[in-house]
Amino acid sequence: MIGAIATQLLGLFVDDGLLAAGILIAVAAIASLILLGALPTWLAGLLLTLSMPATLAASVARSARQAPRPDADEGPPAPP
């Protein structure tokens, strides 16, 4: 019962698991490069600025491909 409640509560915040995973991976990769000293902070900001909208766009495109489409055979409605 508690597991079901936790799953529903998590579902309120994370609707698309791949979007959330993409964001976490991008942030973790950029943060680790900063901590290693391999990436200047201005470039990290630029990468975050570019990667977040790209991740969102990929998620929207994937959702649009998976969305059910209406039948093309129906055509426009007949005039009255």
C-alpha atoms as a PDB file:
ATOM      1  CA  MET A   1       0.000   0.000   0.000  1.00  0.00           C
ATOM      2  CA  ILE A   2       2.779   2.434   0.881  1.00  0.00           C
ATOM      3  CA  GLY A   3       4.582   1.463  -2.325  1.00  0.00           C
ATOM      4  CA  ALA A   4       1.509   2.307  -4.407  1.00  0.00           C
ATOM      5  CA  ILE A   5       1.166   5.664  -2.686  1.00  0.00           C
ATOM      6  CA  ALA A   6       4.848   6.426  -3.253  1.00  0.00           C
ATOM      7  CA  THR A   7       4.528   5.468  -6.913  1.00  0.00           C
ATOM      8  CA  GLN A   8       1.536   7.740  -7.402  1.00  0.00           C
ATOM      9  CA  LEU A   9       3.268  10.576  -5.561  1.00  0.00           C
ATOM     10  CA  LEU A  10       6.375  10.174  -7.713  1.00  0.00           C
ATOM     11  CA  GLY A  11       4.143  10.110 -10.809  1.00  0.00           C
ATOM     12  CA  LEU A  12       2.916  13.600  -9.929  1.00  0.00           C
ATOM     13  CA  PHE A  13       6.426  14.951 -10.350  1.00  0.00           C
ATOM     14  CA  VAL A  14       7.885  12.618 -12.968  1.00  0.00           C
ATOM     15  CA  ASP A  15       5.477  11.947 -15.810  1.00  0.00           C
ATOM     16  CA  ASP A  16       8.055  11.046 -18.440  1.00  0.00           C
ATOM     17  CA  GLY A  17      10.786   8.836 -17.044  1.00  0.00           C
ATOM     18  CA  LEU A  18      13.111   9.268 -20.019  1.00  0.00           C
ATOM     19  CA  LEU A  19      12.894  13.049 -19.754  1.00  0.00           C
ATOM     20  CA  ALA A  20      13.802  12.908 -16.075  1.00  0.00           C
ATOM     21  CA  ALA A  21      16.637  10.457 -16.770  1.00  0.00           C
ATOM     22  CA  GLY A  22      17.978  12.645 -19.577  1.00  0.00           C
ATOM     23  CA  ILE A  23      18.020  15.696 -17.350  1.00  0.00           C
ATOM     24  CA  LEU A  24      19.739  13.815 -14.516  1.00  0.00           C
ATOM     25  CA  ILE A  25      22.355  12.365 -16.861  1.00  0.00           C
ATOM     26  CA  ALA A  26      23.130  15.743 -18.450  1.00  0.00           C
ATOM     27  CA  VAL A  27      23.413  17.516 -15.101  1.00  0.00           C
ATOM     28  CA  ALA A  28      25.532  14.732 -13.590  1.00  0.00           C
ATOM     29  CA  ALA A  29      27.890  14.634 -16.574  1.00  0.00           C
ATOM     30  CA  ILE A  30      28.367  18.392 -16.642  1.00  0.00           C
ATOM     31  CA  ALA A  31      28.777  18.595 -12.863  1.00  0.00           C
ATOM     32  CA  SER A  32      31.389  15.848 -12.878  1.00  0.00           C
ATOM     33  CA  LEU A  33      33.348  17.630 -15.614  1.00  0.00           C
ATOM     34  CA  ILE A  34      33.296  20.815 -13.547  1.00  0.00           C
ATOM     35  CA  LEU A  35      34.465  18.985 -10.407  1.00  0.00           C
ATOM     36  CA  LEU A  36      37.306  17.372 -12.361  1.00  0.00           C
ATOM     37  CA  GLY A  37      38.351  20.803 -13.598  1.00  0.00           C
ATOM     38  CA  ALA A  38      37.967  19.766 -17.233  1.00  0.00           C
ATOM     39  CA  LEU A  39      35.229  22.276 -17.979  1.00  0.00           C
ATOM     40  CA  PRO A  40      35.122  26.021 -17.303  1.00  0.00           C
ATOM     41  CA  THR A  41      31.965  27.235 -15.606  1.00  0.00           C
ATOM     42  CA  TRP A  42      30.898  29.448 -18.502  1.00  0.00           C
ATOM     43  CA  LEU A  43      30.990  26.452 -20.833  1.00  0.00           C
ATOM     44  CA  ALA A  44      29.053  24.369 -18.296  1.00  0.00           C
ATOM     45  CA  GLY A  45      26.341  27.024 -18.246  1.00  0.00           C
ATOM     46  CA  LEU A  46      26.231  27.028 -22.022  1.00  0.00           C
ATOM     47  CA  LEU A  47      25.999  23.233 -22.134  1.00  0.00           C
ATOM     48  CA  LEU A  48      23.174  23.242 -19.603  1.00  0.00           C
ATOM     49  CA  THR A  49      21.385  25.982 -21.531  1.00  0.00           C
ATOM     50  CA  LEU A  50      21.576  23.928 -24.712  1.00  0.00           C
ATOM     51  CA  SER A  51      21.069  20.437 -23.311  1.00  0.00           C
ATOM     52  CA  MET A  52      17.906  21.074 -21.305  1.00  0.00           C
ATOM     53  CA  PRO A  53      15.767  22.359 -24.228  1.00  0.00           C
ATOM     54  CA  ALA A  54      17.252  19.640 -26.458  1.00  0.00           C
ATOM     55  CA  THR A  55      16.236  16.983 -23.940  1.00  0.00           C
ATOM     56  CA  LEU A  56      12.740  18.449 -23.722  1.00  0.00           C
ATOM     57  CA  ALA A  57      12.417  18.630 -27.519  1.00  0.00           C
ATOM     58  CA  ALA A  58      13.486  14.985 -27.832  1.00  0.00           C
ATOM     59  CA  SER A  59      10.900  13.988 -25.243  1.00  0.00           C
ATOM     60  CA  VAL A  60       8.135  15.915 -27.023  1.00  0.00           C
ATOM     61  CA  ALA A  61       9.109  14.405 -30.385  1.00  0.00           C
ATOM     62  CA  ARG A  62       9.063  10.907 -28.899  1.00  0.00           C
ATOM     63  CA  SER A  63       5.647  11.529 -27.348  1.00  0.00           C
ATOM     64  CA  ALA A  64       4.299  12.867 -30.636  1.00  0.00           C
ATOM     65  CA  ARG A  65       5.471   9.755 -32.482  1.00  0.00           C
ATOM     66  CA  GLN A  66       3.796   7.493 -29.927  1.00  0.00           C
ATOM     67  CA  ALA A  67       0.505   9.410 -29.789  1.00  0.00           C
ATOM     68  CA  PRO A  68      -2.453   7.674 -31.431  1.00  0.00           C
ATOM     69  CA  ARG A  69      -3.412   9.233 -34.725  1.00  0.00           C
ATOM     70  CA  PRO A  70      -6.959   9.581 -36.038  1.00  0.00           C
ATOM     71  CA  ASP A  71      -7.873   7.535 -39.098  1.00  0.00           C
ATOM     72  CA  ALA A  72      -7.026   9.225 -42.374  1.00  0.00           C
ATOM     73  CA  ASP A  73     -10.010   7.474 -44.017  1.00  0.00           C
ATOM     74  CA  GLU A  74     -12.536   9.580 -42.127  1.00  0.00           C
ATOM     75  CA  GLY A  75     -11.794  12.787 -44.037  1.00  0.00           C
ATOM     76  CA  PRO A  76     -13.422  16.140 -43.316  1.00  0.00           C
ATOM     77  CA  PRO A  77     -16.994  16.226 -42.041  1.00  0.00           C
ATOM     78  CA  ALA A  78     -19.746  16.451 -44.683  1.00  0.00           C
ATOM     79  CA  PRO A  79     -21.512  19.808 -45.005  1.00  0.00           C
ATOM     80  CA  PRO A  80     -25.078  19.932 -43.606  1.00  0.00           C
END
